[in-house]
Protein backbone atom coordinates (compact mmCIF):
# COMPACT_ATOMS: atom_id res chain seq x y z
CA MET A 1 209.22 -9.06 170.08
CA LEU A 2 210.99 -6.22 169.79
CA ILE A 3 213.40 -5.17 172.72
CA LYS A 4 215.81 -1.97 173.44
CA ASP A 5 218.41 -2.62 175.62
CA GLY A 6 221.73 -0.74 177.14
CA GLN A 7 221.51 3.30 178.18
CA GLY A 8 223.81 6.19 176.62
CA ASP A 9 226.39 5.25 174.20
CA SER A 10 225.67 1.58 174.52
CA THR A 11 222.20 0.85 173.19
CA HIS A 12 220.91 -2.26 170.70
CA LEU A 13 217.65 -3.37 169.74
CA ARG A 14 216.68 -7.16 169.84
CA ALA A 15 214.25 -9.06 168.15
CA VAL A 16 213.48 -12.37 169.75
CA ARG A 17 211.39 -14.78 168.54
CA ILE A 18 208.40 -15.34 171.23
CA GLY A 19 207.91 -19.15 170.62
CA ASP A 20 211.31 -20.35 171.38
CA SER A 21 212.67 -17.10 172.62
CA GLU A 22 215.46 -17.26 170.01
CA GLU A 23 217.25 -14.00 169.40
CA VAL A 24 216.46 -13.43 165.30
CA TRP A 25 218.17 -9.97 164.76
CA THR A 26 220.04 -7.44 166.60
CA HIS A 27 220.81 -3.79 165.57
CA GLU A 28 223.47 -1.49 167.66
CA THR A 29 224.09 2.58 167.70
CA ALA A 30 224.26 5.01 170.30
CA LEU A 31 221.28 6.73 172.14
CA ILE A 32 218.56 4.43 170.88
CA GLN A 33 215.40 5.92 172.62
CA GLY A 34 212.58 4.07 171.29
CA ARG A 35 211.30 1.58 169.19
CA GLY A 36 208.73 -0.26 166.95
CA PHE A 37 207.67 -2.30 163.99
CA SER A 38 206.19 -1.14 161.09
CA ALA A 39 202.32 -2.42 160.23
CA SER A 40 203.86 -4.22 157.38
CA GLY A 41 206.52 -6.19 160.03
CA GLU A 42 208.90 -5.34 157.18
CA SER A 43 210.81 -2.46 158.92
CA VAL A 44 211.92 -1.19 162.62
CA LEU A 45 211.58 2.31 163.37
CA ARG A 46 214.65 3.62 165.25
CA ILE A 47 213.84 6.67 167.97
CA ARG A 48 216.55 8.47 168.99
CA GLU A 49 217.16 12.03 170.06
CA ASP A 50 217.93 13.53 166.82
CA ASP A 51 216.26 11.31 164.27
CA LEU A 52 213.72 9.14 163.67
CA THR A 53 215.18 6.10 161.03
CA TRP A 54 213.18 3.28 159.20
CA VAL A 55 215.53 0.25 159.18
CA THR A 56 214.98 -2.63 157.06
CA PHE A 57 214.20 -5.87 158.88
CA PRO A 58 215.50 -8.15 159.04
CA VAL A 59 218.40 -7.10 156.60
CA GLY A 60 219.20 -4.31 158.78
CA ARG A 61 219.59 -1.15 156.07
CA LEU A 62 219.10 2.12 157.02
CA ASN A 63 215.99 3.36 154.85
CA ASP A 64 214.41 6.79 155.47
CA CYS A 65 215.18 9.53 158.20
CA LEU A 66 213.93 12.11 159.45
CA PRO A 67 216.03 14.75 161.32
CA LEU A 68 214.50 16.33 164.27
CA SER A 69 215.13 19.64 165.55
CA ALA A 70 214.27 18.52 169.48
CA PRO A 71 213.47 15.26 170.90
CA VAL A 72 210.61 13.50 170.57
CA ALA A 73 208.56 14.52 173.75
CA SER A 74 208.47 11.58 176.31
CA TYR A 75 207.18 10.33 179.46
CA PHE A 76 208.37 7.61 181.83
CA THR A 77 207.05 4.97 179.51
CA GLY A 78 209.23 6.08 176.66
CA PRO A 79 208.88 8.64 173.53
CA ASN A 80 204.81 9.50 172.60
CA ILE A 81 204.68 8.16 169.44
CA SER A 82 202.27 5.90 167.51
CA LEU A 83 202.81 3.69 164.35
CA GLY A 84 200.13 4.00 161.83
CA THR A 85 199.22 2.12 158.54
CA GLU A 86 201.69 2.40 155.17
CA ASP A 87 204.58 3.07 157.57
CA SER A 88 203.52 6.30 159.05
CA VAL A 89 204.36 7.80 162.11
CA TYR A 90 202.89 9.62 164.81
CA PHE A 91 204.95 11.85 167.56
CA LEU A 92 204.35 14.77 169.72
CA ASP A 93 207.07 17.47 170.02
CA GLU A 94 207.38 20.05 172.67
CA ARG A 95 205.25 22.73 171.18
CA PRO A 96 203.52 21.10 172.10
CA SER A 97 202.10 19.57 168.52
CA ILE A 98 201.02 16.17 166.90
CA ASN A 99 203.21 15.52 163.71
CA ARG A 100 202.84 12.63 161.05
CA TRP A 101 205.88 11.47 158.84
CA ARG A 102 205.33 9.17 156.20
CA ALA A 103 207.89 7.48 154.33
CA GLY A 104 209.63 9.42 151.53
CA SER A 105 208.24 12.82 152.67
CA GLN A 106 208.47 15.51 155.67
CA ALA A 107 206.91 15.58 158.49
CA VAL A 108 203.46 17.88 158.64
CA THR A 109 201.76 19.08 161.82
CA VAL A 110 198.72 17.48 161.63
CA LEU A 111 197.16 18.88 165.50
CA GLN A 112 198.65 21.83 167.53
CA GLU A 113 197.57 23.01 170.90
CA GLU A 114 196.79 26.51 170.71
CA PRO A 115 198.34 28.57 173.92
CA GLU A 116 195.47 29.68 176.28
CA PRO A 117 196.37 33.18 177.15
CA LYS A 118 198.47 33.29 180.24
CA PRO A 119 196.38 34.33 183.89
CA PRO A 120 198.65 37.43 185.69
CA PHE A 121 200.68 36.30 188.33
CA PHE A 122 204.31 37.42 189.99
CA ARG A 123 206.84 34.51 190.17
CA GLU A 124 209.45 34.63 192.82
CA GLU A 125 212.19 31.70 193.62
CA TYR A 126 213.86 30.80 196.62
CA SER A 127 214.97 27.87 198.92
CA VAL A 128 214.53 25.77 201.66
CA VAL A 129 217.06 23.16 203.65
CA SER A 130 215.93 19.96 203.53
CA GLY A 131 217.45 16.30 204.72
CA ASN A 132 221.06 16.21 205.07
CA GLY A 133 221.19 20.20 204.40
CA LEU A 134 220.60 19.92 200.67
CA SER A 135 219.12 22.99 199.22
CA ILE A 136 215.67 23.04 197.51
CA PRO A 137 214.77 25.36 194.71
CA VAL A 138 211.49 26.51 195.28
CA GLN A 139 209.45 28.83 192.62
CA ARG A 140 206.26 30.65 193.77
CA PHE A 141 203.84 31.94 191.48
CA ILE A 142 201.58 34.45 192.87
CA PRO A 143 198.66 35.86 191.40
CA PRO A 144 196.87 39.71 192.17
CA ASN A 145 194.76 39.52 195.44
CA ALA A 146 195.78 35.37 196.09
CA ARG A 147 192.83 33.68 198.40
CA ALA A 148 193.44 31.01 200.51
CA PRO A 149 194.21 28.25 200.72
CA ALA A 150 197.57 28.00 198.74
CA VAL A 151 198.39 24.99 196.66
CA LEU A 152 201.71 23.11 196.84
CA TYR A 153 202.08 21.26 193.55
CA VAL A 154 204.11 18.05 193.09
CA HIS A 155 204.96 17.62 189.62
CA GLY A 156 205.54 14.26 187.70
CA GLY A 157 208.39 12.35 186.63
CA PRO A 158 210.61 10.68 188.25
CA GLY A 159 213.32 13.20 186.97
CA ALA A 160 210.87 15.91 185.28
CA PRO A 161 211.14 19.70 185.91
CA ILE A 162 209.45 21.80 187.14
CA ASN A 163 206.65 23.18 184.21
CA PRO A 164 206.02 26.49 184.38
CA ASP A 165 203.28 26.23 181.54
CA ASP A 166 201.07 23.44 183.35
CA ALA A 167 197.54 23.85 182.01
CA THR A 168 196.23 23.06 185.59
CA MET A 169 197.98 25.49 187.36
CA PHE A 170 197.15 28.39 184.78
CA HIS A 171 193.58 27.08 185.27
CA LEU A 172 193.81 27.79 189.44
CA LEU A 173 196.01 30.43 189.05
CA GLY A 174 193.43 32.65 187.23
CA GLU A 175 190.68 31.42 189.85
CA GLY A 176 193.51 33.49 192.14
CA TYR A 177 194.99 30.53 193.89
CA GLU A 178 198.87 30.54 194.88
CA PHE A 179 201.17 28.05 193.46
CA VAL A 180 204.21 26.88 195.66
CA CYS A 181 206.51 24.46 193.68
CA ALA A 182 209.76 22.58 195.02
CA ALA A 183 212.16 20.96 192.59
CA TYR A 184 212.54 18.01 195.07
CA ARG A 185 215.67 16.24 194.46
CA GLY A 186 215.99 14.05 191.15
CA SER A 187 213.97 16.63 189.40
CA ALA A 188 215.72 18.37 186.10
CA GLY A 189 216.30 21.87 185.58
CA TYR A 190 218.88 22.31 187.98
CA GLY A 191 221.75 20.74 187.13
CA PRO A 192 223.07 16.80 186.66
CA GLU A 193 224.25 16.96 190.89
CA HIS A 194 220.48 17.77 191.49
CA ARG A 195 219.25 15.47 188.79
CA ASP A 196 221.23 12.33 190.41
CA VAL A 197 221.27 13.03 194.38
CA ASN A 198 218.26 11.17 195.34
CA HIS A 199 220.02 7.63 194.12
CA GLU A 200 218.10 4.77 195.93
CA GLU A 201 216.13 7.57 197.80
CA TYR A 202 213.20 7.73 195.93
CA GLY A 203 210.29 7.48 197.94
CA LYS A 204 212.20 9.22 201.25
CA ALA A 205 214.58 11.92 200.65
CA ASP A 206 212.76 13.21 197.53
CA VAL A 207 209.19 13.16 200.32
CA ARG A 208 211.17 15.04 202.80
CA ASP A 209 212.28 17.92 200.60
CA VAL A 210 208.17 18.32 199.64
CA VAL A 211 207.77 18.02 203.74
CA ALA A 212 210.52 20.94 203.94
CA CYS A 213 208.52 22.91 201.39
CA ALA A 214 205.48 22.61 203.77
CA GLN A 215 207.00 23.47 207.04
CA ASP A 216 208.88 26.56 205.46
CA TRP A 217 205.48 27.53 204.08
CA LYS A 218 203.95 27.38 207.46
CA GLU A 219 206.71 29.42 209.11
CA ARG A 220 206.68 31.98 206.28
CA THR A 221 202.98 32.77 206.47
CA ASP A 222 202.94 32.01 210.59
CA GLY A 223 200.35 29.16 210.07
CA SER A 224 197.64 32.18 208.72
CA ARG A 225 197.21 30.45 205.80
CA PRO A 226 196.24 26.70 204.80
CA LEU A 227 198.29 24.57 202.45
CA ILE A 228 196.62 22.10 200.21
CA LEU A 229 198.98 19.47 198.08
CA ILE A 230 198.45 18.79 194.85
CA GLY A 231 200.25 16.19 192.79
CA TYR A 232 200.27 13.73 189.61
CA SER A 233 201.72 10.75 188.58
CA TYR A 234 204.97 10.35 190.62
CA GLY A 235 203.93 13.46 191.94
CA GLY A 236 201.03 12.18 193.35
CA PHE A 237 203.13 8.82 194.82
CA LEU A 238 205.34 11.73 196.72
CA GLY A 239 202.34 13.26 197.31
CA LEU A 240 200.67 10.60 199.34
CA LEU A 241 203.69 9.67 201.19
CA ALA A 242 203.92 13.51 202.35
CA LEU A 243 200.45 13.48 203.31
CA SER A 244 201.08 10.75 205.51
CA GLN A 245 203.66 12.53 207.34
CA THR A 246 202.69 16.43 207.65
CA GLU A 247 199.21 16.41 209.87
CA VAL A 248 200.05 19.80 211.00
CA LEU A 249 201.77 20.84 207.80
CA LEU A 250 198.76 20.23 204.92
CA ALA A 251 195.40 21.21 205.11
CA GLY A 252 194.55 18.15 202.51
CA GLY A 253 195.17 17.00 199.27
CA ILE A 254 194.10 16.40 195.65
CA ILE A 255 196.17 13.63 193.70
CA MET A 256 195.74 12.52 190.63
CA TRP A 257 196.66 9.31 188.45
CA PRO A 258 199.13 8.35 191.29
CA VAL A 259 201.73 5.75 191.13
CA ILE A 260 200.99 3.61 194.20
CA GLY A 261 204.37 1.85 194.53
CA LEU A 262 208.12 1.87 192.83
CA HIS A 263 207.72 -1.30 191.58
CA ARG A 264 205.50 0.52 189.04
CA PHE A 265 209.29 1.81 187.94
CA PRO A 266 211.05 -1.33 186.59
CA SER A 267 213.32 1.12 184.44
CA HIS A 268 214.08 3.22 187.72
CA ALA A 269 214.84 0.34 189.88
CA HIS A 270 218.86 0.52 189.44
CA ARG A 271 218.35 4.31 190.77
CA ALA A 272 215.33 4.40 192.77
CA LEU A 273 216.18 1.55 195.30
CA PRO A 274 219.07 0.21 197.55
CA GLU A 275 220.98 -2.83 195.82
CA GLU A 276 221.08 -5.00 198.60
CA HIS A 277 217.76 -7.19 197.98
CA GLU A 278 216.81 -7.56 201.92
CA GLU A 279 217.28 -3.20 201.87
CA ARG A 280 215.67 -3.01 198.40
CA CYS A 281 212.53 -5.42 200.04
CA GLN A 282 212.30 -2.90 203.47
CA ALA A 283 212.21 -0.07 200.93
CA LEU A 284 209.72 -0.89 199.17
CA THR A 285 207.35 -1.72 202.20
CA GLU A 286 208.28 1.55 203.77
CA ARG A 287 208.01 3.85 200.65
CA SER A 288 204.52 2.38 200.16
CA PRO A 289 201.41 4.68 200.04
CA MET A 290 199.11 1.54 201.08
CA GLU A 291 201.24 1.01 203.83
CA ARG A 292 201.04 4.66 204.95
CA ALA A 293 197.57 5.22 204.37
CA ASP A 294 196.60 4.55 208.02
CA HIS A 295 198.74 7.87 208.71
CA ILE A 296 196.38 10.15 206.71
CA ARG A 297 194.50 12.53 208.84
CA VAL A 298 193.19 15.20 206.08
CA PRO A 299 190.76 14.73 203.44
CA VAL A 300 192.11 13.73 200.31
CA LEU A 301 190.56 13.82 196.66
CA ILE A 302 191.83 11.43 194.05
CA PHE A 303 191.55 11.26 190.61
CA HIS A 304 192.06 8.19 188.33
CA GLY A 305 191.53 7.44 184.96
CA ALA A 306 190.66 4.08 183.72
CA LEU A 307 193.29 4.00 181.05
CA VAL A 308 195.90 5.70 182.61
CA LEU A 309 198.99 3.10 182.06
CA SER A 310 200.96 4.50 184.94
CA VAL A 311 198.89 2.24 187.56
CA ARG A 312 196.02 0.32 187.34
CA LEU A 313 192.83 1.95 188.43
CA ARG A 314 192.18 -1.68 190.51
CA SER A 315 195.13 -0.78 192.61
CA CYS A 316 194.52 2.97 193.19
CA GLN A 317 191.05 1.84 194.28
CA ARG A 318 192.05 -0.51 196.76
CA PHE A 319 194.30 2.35 198.13
CA GLY A 320 191.16 4.49 198.32
CA ASN A 321 189.55 1.28 200.30
CA ALA A 322 192.42 1.16 202.50
CA PHE A 323 192.35 5.02 202.97
CA ARG A 324 188.54 5.09 203.94
CA ARG A 325 188.92 1.75 206.30
CA LEU A 326 192.14 2.88 208.21
CA ALA A 327 192.24 6.53 208.18
CA GLY A 328 189.92 9.64 206.85
CA THR A 329 187.92 10.71 203.86
CA ALA A 330 188.66 9.17 200.65
CA ARG A 331 186.06 9.55 197.17
C-alpha cells in the first residue's frame, strides 16, 4: 500500500506491506500532491504541482520527469489522474483537457473540451455582511430579461473558488435565470485570510454566509422575486443546512451529489472541526443535514449518481427518506 504523509514542504511517500504492516520503502520531497504504483509495480508515480516523475521501486532512483506548466486539476479526493498500462499516465489539466504521458515521450492531448458559446449576461460584484461582521463577496450574473425565480448557487469545495465558467450556470443563464454566488468563508479567490477564516467552522459559519446572501436578496428585491438554492458537493452540504434555516428566504432547493456529513472529509478534519473531542462530536451532530432534515419546509430535488465517490448513494437515499418522513417533499 502506498501512502502520502505530510503537508507543504514536509511530504513523503511510504510503501507499507499489507500482510504485516511493515514499512518497506520511503521517499521524501516537498509538495507531493499524489502518488500511484505503475501497472508492473516496478515504479511509483510522484505527483507534484510542477512535475510528474517516475521513481523506481524500491531503489528510489528518479527516472522520467514531465515538467508541468500548471498543476494537474484536483478535487478533494486528490489530483485527477489515472495510471494505464505500459507506464502511461492520463491526467486532467485546467483547460480542461485529458492528456496522456508515456515514459520516454512528451505528453499529448487526447481529449479536449470544446467551449460552448457563452450566453449574454452582465456580472455585478458586491458584498454582504455575515456573522462576526465578516464581509462576504458576492458575484451576480444577470441575463437579459431575467425571469423568476433567481438562483442562489453554492459552489463545491471545500475551498474552491466561484467558477465563472460553470456549465450548469451557463445553461440556466441561457434559459434566462439570474445567478447569485456567494464566496462563503473558506472559498478561494479572495486571499489567504478569507480562505482560512472558517477554521473549525465548516458547516456553521459558512452556512451563515449563505443565509446572509439569501437575506440580502430578499431586502434587495423587497421580497418580490423568489430565490431557489442550487448547491453541489460541499455546496450541497451547505445548501441543505441553509435550507433548514431559511424558511422565509428560499422557495426551494436543488441539491446535486451532496456530502451528507463532515465525516466524509477526513483530510479536512484538522481544519473543519474543533480539536477537543467532546466539542468535535457535538459539532458533527449539530452540523449534520441528517439531523436537520425535519427543519426543512420547502420542496427539495436531489440528484445523486450511483458512482459518485464523495458520499455513498445509500447515505443520500437515507437522507431523502428522513426528509420525506420528517419534513416536506423529497424526490
